[in-house]
C-alpha cells in the first residue's frame, strides 16, 4: 500500500504528464518512472499507467473530431487494427516476465525519448511529403503498418502517437492536420483496448490509478490553458532530457 506522500508524488506526476501530453506529448516518460519509483513492479506500473491515462486520449480525440469528418471509411478500417494491436500488445505484456520487462524498460524509454526528440523533424518531413503528394504508397499498406505500431502501443505506450503519425504519413495521402486526428482516434482505440485487457489482469493498482486519473484530468486542463504561453519545443526538450536521465538510471540499476 502506498503512503500518503507516495500518493502525492503520483498525483503530481500525473498532473505533469497531463500538462506535457496537452502541450507536446510524452507524458508517459514522466508518469511511468514515478510509479516504479514509489515501489510498483514494472509490469503493474505500466498497466496502471495505461488505464489511468485513457481520459487524455479521449480528450485529444474529441478536440479534433471535426477533422475526422469525411474519414469515416478510413476509420472503419484502421480503428479495428488499433484495437487488435492494443490487445495483442497487452497480451504480450501479460505473458512477459517481470525480469524480462525490467530488462526491456530502459530500451523502451529510450525509444520513446528518441521519437519525441525527432517529432519536429518527422512533422517537417510529413509536411513536405503532403505538399508533393506524388508517388504515394498504396493506402492499403496503412493497415499492417498501423497494426504493428499499435502492438507496440499496447505493450508500452510512450511514443505511440509519433509512430502512428509517421506510418500514416507514409501510406495515406492526406493533410497532416487530418492525419493527426486519425492518429488520435487510433491511439484512443489502442489505449482503451489495452486498458480493458489490463483491468481483468489483476495487476492494476487501483488506488494509484484513481489518483493518476484525477491528476491527468487536472493536468490536461491546465495544459490547455497554458498552450498559448508555453513553447511546446522548450517543453519537449525538457521531457527529452528527463527521458534520457531516466533511461540511463534504469540501465544502471
C-alpha atoms as a PDB file:
ATOM      1  CA  UNK A   1       0.000   0.000   0.000  1.00  0.00           C
ATOM      2  CA  UNK A   2       1.317   3.435  -0.923  1.00  0.00           C
ATOM      3  CA  UNK A   3       1.923   6.054   1.741  1.00  0.00           C
ATOM      4  CA  UNK A   4       0.222   9.449   1.573  1.00  0.00           C
ATOM      5  CA  UNK A   5       3.497  11.012   0.419  1.00  0.00           C
ATOM      6  CA  UNK A   6       3.757   8.484  -2.425  1.00  0.00           C
ATOM      7  CA  UNK A   7       0.174   9.254  -3.437  1.00  0.00           C
ATOM      8  CA  UNK A   8       1.098  12.947  -3.560  1.00  0.00           C
ATOM      9  CA  UNK A   9       4.090  12.177  -5.789  1.00  0.00           C
ATOM     10  CA  UNK A  10       1.936  10.059  -8.122  1.00  0.00           C
ATOM     11  CA  UNK A  11      -0.708  12.805  -8.258  1.00  0.00           C
ATOM     12  CA  UNK A  12       1.877  15.481  -9.085  1.00  0.00           C
ATOM     13  CA  UNK A  13       3.440  13.244 -11.742  1.00  0.00           C
ATOM     14  CA  UNK A  14       0.015  12.725 -13.312  1.00  0.00           C
ATOM     15  CA  UNK A  15      -0.572  16.485 -13.390  1.00  0.00           C
ATOM     16  CA  UNK A  16       2.824  16.969 -15.054  1.00  0.00           C
ATOM     17  CA  UNK A  17       2.087  14.164 -17.503  1.00  0.00           C
ATOM     18  CA  UNK A  18      -1.284  15.679 -18.364  1.00  0.00           C
ATOM     19  CA  UNK A  19       0.290  19.074 -18.996  1.00  0.00           C
ATOM     20  CA  UNK A  20       3.045  17.567 -21.142  1.00  0.00           C
ATOM     21  CA  UNK A  21       0.615  15.471 -23.183  1.00  0.00           C
ATOM     22  CA  UNK A  22      -1.555  18.522 -23.824  1.00  0.00           C
ATOM     23  CA  UNK A  23       1.379  20.657 -24.974  1.00  0.00           C
ATOM     24  CA  UNK A  24       3.937  18.356 -26.577  1.00  0.00           C
ATOM     25  CA  UNK A  25       3.291  14.657 -25.876  1.00  0.00           C
ATOM     26  CA  UNK A  26       5.471  12.238 -23.944  1.00  0.00           C
ATOM     27  CA  UNK A  27       3.741  12.335 -20.560  1.00  0.00           C
ATOM     28  CA  UNK A  28       4.329   8.608 -20.065  1.00  0.00           C
ATOM     29  CA  UNK A  29       8.054   9.341 -19.784  1.00  0.00           C
ATOM     30  CA  UNK A  30       7.195  11.159 -16.548  1.00  0.00           C
ATOM     31  CA  UNK A  31       4.386   9.088 -15.043  1.00  0.00           C
ATOM     32  CA  UNK A  32       5.762   5.587 -15.566  1.00  0.00           C
ATOM     33  CA  UNK A  33       9.140   6.153 -13.823  1.00  0.00           C
ATOM     34  CA  UNK A  34       7.381   7.750 -10.841  1.00  0.00           C
ATOM     35  CA  UNK A  35       5.136   4.700 -10.447  1.00  0.00           C
ATOM     36  CA  UNK A  36       8.159   2.420 -10.350  1.00  0.00           C
ATOM     37  CA  UNK A  37       9.981   4.840  -8.030  1.00  0.00           C
ATOM     38  CA  UNK A  38       7.214   4.556  -5.410  1.00  0.00           C
ATOM     39  CA  UNK A  39       7.556   0.785  -5.423  1.00  0.00           C
ATOM     40  CA  UNK A  40       5.215  -0.607  -8.080  1.00  0.00           C
ATOM     41  CA  UNK A  41       6.603  -3.563 -10.059  1.00  0.00           C
ATOM     42  CA  UNK A  42       7.374  -2.511 -13.636  1.00  0.00           C
ATOM     43  CA  UNK A  43       4.608  -4.579 -15.281  1.00  0.00           C
ATOM     44  CA  UNK A  44       1.982  -3.380 -12.788  1.00  0.00           C
ATOM     45  CA  UNK A  45       3.227   0.200 -13.194  1.00  0.00           C
ATOM     46  CA  UNK A  46       2.858   0.009 -16.973  1.00  0.00           C
ATOM     47  CA  UNK A  47      -0.651  -1.440 -16.741  1.00  0.00           C
ATOM     48  CA  UNK A  48      -1.718   1.111 -14.125  1.00  0.00           C
ATOM     49  CA  UNK A  49      -0.304   3.934 -16.242  1.00  0.00           C
ATOM     50  CA  UNK A  50      -2.206   2.767 -19.336  1.00  0.00           C
ATOM     51  CA  UNK A  51      -5.531   2.541 -17.506  1.00  0.00           C
ATOM     52  CA  UNK A  52      -5.109   5.895 -15.750  1.00  0.00           C
ATOM     53  CA  UNK A  53      -4.245   7.915 -18.864  1.00  0.00           C
ATOM     54  CA  UNK A  54      -7.219   6.822 -21.016  1.00  0.00           C
ATOM     55  CA  UNK A  55      -9.114  10.112 -20.444  1.00  0.00           C
ATOM     56  CA  UNK A  56      -6.302  12.069 -22.063  1.00  0.00           C
ATOM     57  CA  UNK A  57      -6.655  10.132 -25.312  1.00  0.00           C
ATOM     58  CA  UNK A  58     -10.420  10.653 -25.264  1.00  0.00           C
ATOM     59  CA  UNK A  59      -9.992  14.385 -24.763  1.00  0.00           C
ATOM     60  CA  UNK A  60      -7.498  14.605 -27.618  1.00  0.00           C
ATOM     61  CA  UNK A  61      -9.843  12.758 -29.984  1.00  0.00           C
ATOM     62  CA  UNK A  62     -12.883  14.878 -29.099  1.00  0.00           C
ATOM     63  CA  UNK A  63     -10.855  18.055 -29.550  1.00  0.00           C
ATOM     64  CA  UNK A  64     -10.103  17.067 -33.169  1.00  0.00           C
ATOM     65  CA  UNK A  65     -13.392  15.423 -34.072  1.00  0.00           C
ATOM     66  CA  UNK A  66     -14.114  17.983 -36.816  1.00  0.00           C
ATOM     67  CA  UNK A  67     -11.035  16.815 -38.718  1.00  0.00           C
ATOM     68  CA  UNK A  68     -12.407  13.263 -38.677  1.00  0.00           C
ATOM     69  CA  UNK A  69     -15.420  14.257 -40.784  1.00  0.00           C
ATOM     70  CA  UNK A  70     -15.174  12.586 -44.187  1.00  0.00           C
ATOM     71  CA  UNK A  71     -12.707   9.967 -42.955  1.00  0.00           C
ATOM     72  CA  UNK A  72     -15.288   7.506 -41.680  1.00  0.00           C
ATOM     73  CA  UNK A  73     -14.327   4.788 -44.163  1.00  0.00           C
ATOM     74  CA  UNK A  74     -10.665   5.095 -43.202  1.00  0.00           C
ATOM     75  CA  UNK A  75     -11.569   4.896 -39.508  1.00  0.00           C
ATOM     76  CA  UNK A  76     -13.696   1.783 -40.043  1.00  0.00           C
ATOM     77  CA  UNK A  77     -10.550   0.127 -41.408  1.00  0.00           C
ATOM     78  CA  UNK A  78      -7.898   1.448 -39.036  1.00  0.00           C
ATOM     79  CA  UNK A  79      -9.703   1.559 -35.676  1.00  0.00           C
ATOM     80  CA  UNK A  80     -10.179  -2.248 -35.606  1.00  0.00           C
ATOM     81  CA  UNK A  81      -6.461  -2.564 -36.382  1.00  0.00           C
ATOM     82  CA  UNK A  82      -5.752  -0.310 -33.405  1.00  0.00           C
ATOM     83  CA  UNK A  83      -7.999  -2.378 -31.152  1.00  0.00           C
ATOM     84  CA  UNK A  84      -6.448  -5.672 -32.242  1.00  0.00           C
ATOM     85  CA  UNK A  85      -2.932  -4.229 -31.971  1.00  0.00           C
ATOM     86  CA  UNK A  86      -3.656  -2.904 -28.485  1.00  0.00           C
ATOM     87  CA  UNK A  87      -4.983  -6.263 -27.349  1.00  0.00           C
ATOM     88  CA  UNK A  88      -2.011  -8.150 -28.821  1.00  0.00           C
ATOM     89  CA  UNK A  89       0.425  -5.754 -27.164  1.00  0.00           C
ATOM     90  CA  UNK A  90      -1.433  -6.053 -23.862  1.00  0.00           C
ATOM     91  CA  UNK A  91      -1.352  -9.843 -24.090  1.00  0.00           C
ATOM     92  CA  UNK A  92       2.384  -9.776 -24.814  1.00  0.00           C
ATOM     93  CA  UNK A  93       2.906  -7.650 -21.714  1.00  0.00           C
ATOM     94  CA  UNK A  94       0.757 -10.033 -19.682  1.00  0.00           C
ATOM     95  CA  UNK A  95       2.944 -13.008 -20.631  1.00  0.00           C
ATOM     96  CA  UNK A  96       6.220 -11.106 -20.253  1.00  0.00           C
ATOM     97  CA  UNK A  97       8.013 -11.904 -17.036  1.00  0.00           C
ATOM     98  CA  UNK A  98       8.803  -9.148 -14.570  1.00  0.00           C
ATOM     99  CA  UNK A  99      12.524  -9.779 -15.089  1.00  0.00           C
ATOM    100  CA  UNK A 100      12.350  -9.554 -18.893  1.00  0.00           C
ATOM    101  CA  UNK A 101      10.206  -6.429 -18.886  1.00  0.00           C
ATOM    102  CA  UNK A 102      12.525  -4.819 -16.351  1.00  0.00           C
ATOM    103  CA  UNK A 103      15.362  -5.528 -18.805  1.00  0.00           C
ATOM    104  CA  UNK A 104      13.399  -4.004 -21.711  1.00  0.00           C
ATOM    105  CA  UNK A 105      12.202  -0.881 -19.860  1.00  0.00           C
ATOM    106  CA  UNK A 106      15.289   1.342 -20.418  1.00  0.00           C
ATOM    107  CA  UNK A 107      15.314   0.480 -24.127  1.00  0.00           C
ATOM    108  CA  UNK A 108      11.587   1.255 -24.413  1.00  0.00           C
ATOM    109  CA  UNK A 109      12.015   4.554 -22.570  1.00  0.00           C
ATOM    110  CA  UNK A 110      14.987   5.419 -24.767  1.00  0.00           C
ATOM    111  CA  UNK A 111      12.937   4.618 -27.886  1.00  0.00           C
ATOM    112  CA  UNK A 112      10.082   6.834 -26.707  1.00  0.00           C
ATOM    113  CA  UNK A 113      12.542   9.626 -25.869  1.00  0.00           C
ATOM    114  CA  UNK A 114      14.236   9.471 -29.279  1.00  0.00           C
ATOM    115  CA  UNK A 115      10.867   9.503 -31.049  1.00  0.00           C
ATOM    116  CA  UNK A 116       9.798  12.547 -29.062  1.00  0.00           C
ATOM    117  CA  UNK A 117      13.084  14.296 -29.892  1.00  0.00           C
ATOM    118  CA  UNK A 118      12.618  13.563 -33.606  1.00  0.00           C
ATOM    119  CA  UNK A 119       8.974  14.667 -33.634  1.00  0.00           C
ATOM    120  CA  UNK A 120       9.629  18.142 -35.157  1.00  0.00           C
ATOM    121  CA  UNK A 121      11.731  16.662 -37.968  1.00  0.00           C
ATOM    122  CA  UNK A 122       9.108  13.998 -38.620  1.00  0.00           C
ATOM    123  CA  UNK A 123       6.432  16.686 -38.786  1.00  0.00           C
ATOM    124  CA  UNK A 124       8.500  18.745 -41.227  1.00  0.00           C
ATOM    125  CA  UNK A 125       9.101  15.677 -43.389  1.00  0.00           C
ATOM    126  CA  UNK A 126       5.409  14.804 -43.378  1.00  0.00           C
ATOM    127  CA  UNK A 127       4.551  18.385 -44.339  1.00  0.00           C
ATOM    128  CA  UNK A 128       6.913  18.196 -47.317  1.00  0.00           C
ATOM    129  CA  UNK A 129       5.534  14.838 -48.377  1.00  0.00           C
ATOM    130  CA  UNK A 130       1.949  16.091 -48.128  1.00  0.00           C
ATOM    131  CA  UNK A 131       2.892  19.069 -50.327  1.00  0.00           C
ATOM    132  CA  UNK A 132       4.320  16.789 -53.015  1.00  0.00           C
ATOM    133  CA  UNK A 133       1.549  14.192 -52.941  1.00  0.00           C
ATOM    134  CA  UNK A 134       3.206  12.342 -55.793  1.00  0.00           C
ATOM    135  CA  UNK A 135       4.125   8.664 -55.894  1.00  0.00           C
ATOM    136  CA  UNK A 136       2.309   7.815 -52.701  1.00  0.00           C
ATOM    137  CA  UNK A 137       2.408   4.319 -51.356  1.00  0.00           C
ATOM    138  CA  UNK A 138      -0.914   2.482 -51.637  1.00  0.00           C
ATOM    139  CA  UNK A 139      -3.134   3.279 -48.648  1.00  0.00           C
ATOM    140  CA  UNK A 140      -3.713  -0.446 -48.212  1.00  0.00           C
ATOM    141  CA  UNK A 141      -0.293  -0.537 -46.530  1.00  0.00           C
ATOM    142  CA  UNK A 142      -1.665   1.588 -43.688  1.00  0.00           C
ATOM    143  CA  UNK A 143      -3.496  -1.403 -42.204  1.00  0.00           C
ATOM    144  CA  UNK A 144      -0.477  -3.655 -41.448  1.00  0.00           C
ATOM    145  CA  UNK A 145       1.806  -0.758 -40.509  1.00  0.00           C
ATOM    146  CA  UNK A 146      -0.730   0.753 -38.093  1.00  0.00           C
ATOM    147  CA  UNK A 147      -1.317  -2.724 -36.716  1.00  0.00           C
ATOM    148  CA  UNK A 148       2.373  -3.155 -35.901  1.00  0.00           C
ATOM    149  CA  UNK A 149       2.599   0.330 -34.380  1.00  0.00           C
ATOM    150  CA  UNK A 150      -0.363  -0.318 -32.097  1.00  0.00           C
ATOM    151  CA  UNK A 151       1.053  -3.623 -30.891  1.00  0.00           C
ATOM    152  CA  UNK A 152       3.926  -1.557 -29.521  1.00  0.00           C
ATOM    153  CA  UNK A 153       1.388   0.905 -28.092  1.00  0.00           C
ATOM    154  CA  UNK A 154      -0.462  -1.821 -26.226  1.00  0.00           C
ATOM    155  CA  UNK A 155       2.829  -3.112 -24.852  1.00  0.00           C
ATOM    156  CA  UNK A 156       4.357   0.252 -23.860  1.00  0.00           C
ATOM    157  CA  UNK A 157       2.616   3.483 -24.806  1.00  0.00           C
ATOM    158  CA  UNK A 158       5.433   6.062 -24.902  1.00  0.00           C
ATOM    159  CA  UNK A 159       5.870   7.277 -28.475  1.00  0.00           C
ATOM    160  CA  UNK A 160       2.761   5.579 -29.881  1.00  0.00           C
ATOM    161  CA  UNK A 161       1.386   8.811 -31.330  1.00  0.00           C
ATOM    162  CA  UNK A 162       4.651   9.673 -33.094  1.00  0.00           C
ATOM    163  CA  UNK A 163       4.965   6.182 -34.586  1.00  0.00           C
ATOM    164  CA  UNK A 164       1.336   6.112 -35.731  1.00  0.00           C
ATOM    165  CA  UNK A 165       1.511   9.543 -37.352  1.00  0.00           C
ATOM    166  CA  UNK A 166       4.714   8.553 -39.158  1.00  0.00           C
ATOM    167  CA  UNK A 167       3.252   5.374 -40.668  1.00  0.00           C
ATOM    168  CA  UNK A 168       0.068   7.234 -41.642  1.00  0.00           C
ATOM    169  CA  UNK A 169       2.181   9.876 -43.354  1.00  0.00           C
ATOM    170  CA  UNK A 170       3.968   7.169 -45.315  1.00  0.00           C
ATOM    171  CA  UNK A 171       0.839   5.394 -46.515  1.00  0.00           C
ATOM    172  CA  UNK A 172      -2.031   7.918 -46.632  1.00  0.00           C
ATOM    173  CA  UNK A 173      -2.329  10.969 -48.900  1.00  0.00           C
ATOM    174  CA  UNK A 174      -3.990  13.448 -46.573  1.00  0.00           C
ATOM    175  CA  UNK A 175      -3.204  16.727 -44.809  1.00  0.00           C
ATOM    176  CA  UNK A 176      -1.150  16.473 -41.632  1.00  0.00           C
ATOM    177  CA  UNK A 177      -3.949  18.040 -39.580  1.00  0.00           C
ATOM    178  CA  UNK A 178      -6.442  15.390 -40.646  1.00  0.00           C
ATOM    179  CA  UNK A 179      -3.887  12.620 -40.236  1.00  0.00           C
ATOM    180  CA  UNK A 180      -3.222  13.847 -36.708  1.00  0.00           C
ATOM    181  CA  UNK A 181      -6.925  13.492 -35.918  1.00  0.00           C
ATOM    182  CA  UNK A 182      -6.874   9.907 -37.217  1.00  0.00           C
ATOM    183  CA  UNK A 183      -3.778   9.268 -35.131  1.00  0.00           C
ATOM    184  CA  UNK A 184      -5.601  10.491 -32.015  1.00  0.00           C
ATOM    185  CA  UNK A 185      -8.547   8.190 -32.698  1.00  0.00           C
ATOM    186  CA  UNK A 186      -6.269   5.193 -33.292  1.00  0.00           C
ATOM    187  CA  UNK A 187      -4.318   5.946 -30.103  1.00  0.00           C
ATOM    188  CA  UNK A 188      -7.592   6.117 -28.172  1.00  0.00           C
ATOM    189  CA  UNK A 189      -8.763   2.753 -29.558  1.00  0.00           C
ATOM    190  CA  UNK A 190      -5.397   1.139 -28.825  1.00  0.00           C
ATOM    191  CA  UNK A 191      -5.115   2.505 -25.312  1.00  0.00           C
ATOM    192  CA  UNK A 192      -8.687   1.651 -24.331  1.00  0.00           C
ATOM    193  CA  UNK A 193      -8.375  -1.891 -25.721  1.00  0.00           C
ATOM    194  CA  UNK A 194      -5.157  -2.451 -23.752  1.00  0.00           C
ATOM    195  CA  UNK A 195      -6.688  -0.855 -20.639  1.00  0.00           C
ATOM    196  CA  UNK A 196      -9.736  -3.141 -20.770  1.00  0.00           C
ATOM    197  CA  UNK A 197      -7.421  -6.131 -21.023  1.00  0.00           C
ATOM    198  CA  UNK A 198      -5.385  -4.891 -18.057  1.00  0.00           C
ATOM    199  CA  UNK A 199      -8.500  -4.290 -15.941  1.00  0.00           C
ATOM    200  CA  UNK A 200      -9.023  -8.060 -15.818  1.00  0.00           C
ATOM    201  CA  UNK A 201      -5.351  -8.868 -15.276  1.00  0.00           C
ATOM    202  CA  UNK A 202      -5.488  -8.324 -11.525  1.00  0.00           C
ATOM    203  CA  UNK A 203      -2.271  -6.281 -11.689  1.00  0.00           C
ATOM    204  CA  UNK A 204      -3.658  -2.737 -11.905  1.00  0.00           C
ATOM    205  CA  UNK A 205      -3.005  -0.816  -8.690  1.00  0.00           C
ATOM    206  CA  UNK A 206      -6.373   0.909  -8.450  1.00  0.00           C
ATOM    207  CA  UNK A 207      -5.652   3.480  -5.714  1.00  0.00           C
ATOM    208  CA  UNK A 208      -2.741   4.799  -7.794  1.00  0.00           C
ATOM    209  CA  UNK A 209      -4.823   4.623 -10.993  1.00  0.00           C
ATOM    210  CA  UNK A 210      -7.624   6.728  -9.471  1.00  0.00           C
ATOM    211  CA  UNK A 211      -5.182   9.339  -8.186  1.00  0.00           C
ATOM    212  CA  UNK A 212      -3.484   9.474 -11.609  1.00  0.00           C
ATOM    213  CA  UNK A 213      -6.851   9.713 -13.341  1.00  0.00           C
ATOM    214  CA  UNK A 214      -7.708  12.839 -11.367  1.00  0.00           C
ATOM    215  CA  UNK A 215      -4.218  14.301 -11.773  1.00  0.00           C
ATOM    216  CA  UNK A 216      -4.168  13.749 -15.535  1.00  0.00           C
ATOM    217  CA  UNK A 217      -7.558  15.458 -15.916  1.00  0.00           C
ATOM    218  CA  UNK A 218      -6.291  18.447 -13.953  1.00  0.00           C
ATOM    219  CA  UNK A 219      -3.010  18.496 -15.867  1.00  0.00           C
ATOM    220  CA  UNK A 220      -4.755  18.264 -19.226  1.00  0.00           C
ATOM    221  CA  UNK A 221      -6.994  21.193 -18.333  1.00  0.00           C
ATOM    222  CA  UNK A 222      -4.006  23.204 -17.136  1.00  0.00           C
ATOM    223  CA  UNK A 223      -2.038  22.322 -20.257  1.00  0.00           C
ATOM    224  CA  UNK A 224      -4.862  23.550 -22.455  1.00  0.00           C
ATOM    225  CA  UNK A 225      -4.801  26.925 -20.673  1.00  0.00           C
ATOM    226  CA  UNK A 226      -1.004  27.151 -20.980  1.00  0.00           C
ATOM    227  CA  UNK A 227      -0.989  26.225 -24.664  1.00  0.00           C
ATOM    228  CA  UNK A 228      -0.546  29.811 -25.787  1.00  0.00           C
ATOM    229  CA  UNK A 229       2.055  30.702 -23.154  1.00  0.00           C
ATOM    230  CA  UNK A 230       4.485  27.778 -23.091  1.00  0.00           C
ATOM    231  CA  UNK A 231       6.507  26.871 -26.142  1.00  0.00           C
ATOM    232  CA  UNK A 232       5.957  23.161 -26.943  1.00  0.00           C
ATOM    233  CA  UNK A 233       9.507  22.970 -28.299  1.00  0.00           C
ATOM    234  CA  UNK A 234      11.013  24.000 -24.977  1.00  0.00           C
ATOM    235  CA  UNK A 235       8.783  21.591 -23.079  1.00  0.00           C
ATOM    236  CA  UNK A 236       9.701  18.807 -25.488  1.00  0.00           C
ATOM    237  CA  UNK A 237      13.391  19.435 -24.831  1.00  0.00           C
ATOM    238  CA  UNK A 238      12.802  19.229 -21.081  1.00  0.00           C
ATOM    239  CA  UNK A 239      10.887  15.950 -21.382  1.00  0.00           C
ATOM    240  CA  UNK A 240      13.542  14.515 -23.709  1.00  0.00           C
ATOM    241  CA  UNK A 241      16.178  15.421 -21.115  1.00  0.00           C
ATOM    242  CA  UNK A 242      14.125  13.737 -18.389  1.00  0.00           C
ATOM    243  CA  UNK A 243      13.655  10.677 -20.578  1.00  0.00           C
ATOM    244  CA  UNK A 244      17.402  10.349 -21.212  1.00  0.00           C
ATOM    245  CA  UNK A 245      18.188  10.661 -17.499  1.00  0.00           C
ATOM    246  CA  UNK A 246      15.514   8.091 -16.613  1.00  0.00           C
ATOM    247  CA  UNK A 247      16.752   5.661 -19.285  1.00  0.00           C
ATOM    248  CA  UNK A 248      20.322   5.925 -18.009  1.00  0.00           C
ATOM    249  CA  UNK A 249      19.115   5.425 -14.436  1.00  0.00           C
ATOM    250  CA  UNK A 250      17.288   2.237 -15.436  1.00  0.00           C
ATOM    251  CA  UNK A 251      20.342   0.996 -17.330  1.00  0.00           C
ATOM    252  CA  UNK A 252      22.491   1.487 -14.216  1.00  0.00           C
ATOM    253  CA  UNK A 253      20.126  -0.148 -11.725  1.00  0.00           C
END
